[in-house]
Amino acid sequence: MDTKAGLGTVPAPTHDAREFLAYETECRSVLKPMLAGLLDLAEAAGWSRRTAASTLMFLAAQQVSATAGSSGDG
């Protein structure tokens, strides 16, 4: 199963990661509509929007923990 199916594309950053605030703000603005769309899909499938959002927070935290454990930069 292709877990990336239907996600579309994410534009590359225009700010360098060293420009922390601009880089983070740009990332949020790029991902926000994608997140809203994912939550809309989950809700349309019958999941509570709150449960879906909470689950995404949990999964995101797992990713941060896994990245921190493997690369030390999380």
Foldseek 3Di string as FASTA:
>chain_A
DPPCPPQDDQDDDPDDVVVPVSRVVVVCVRCVVSLVVVLVVCVVVPDDSVVVVVVVVVVVVVVVVVCCVPPVPD
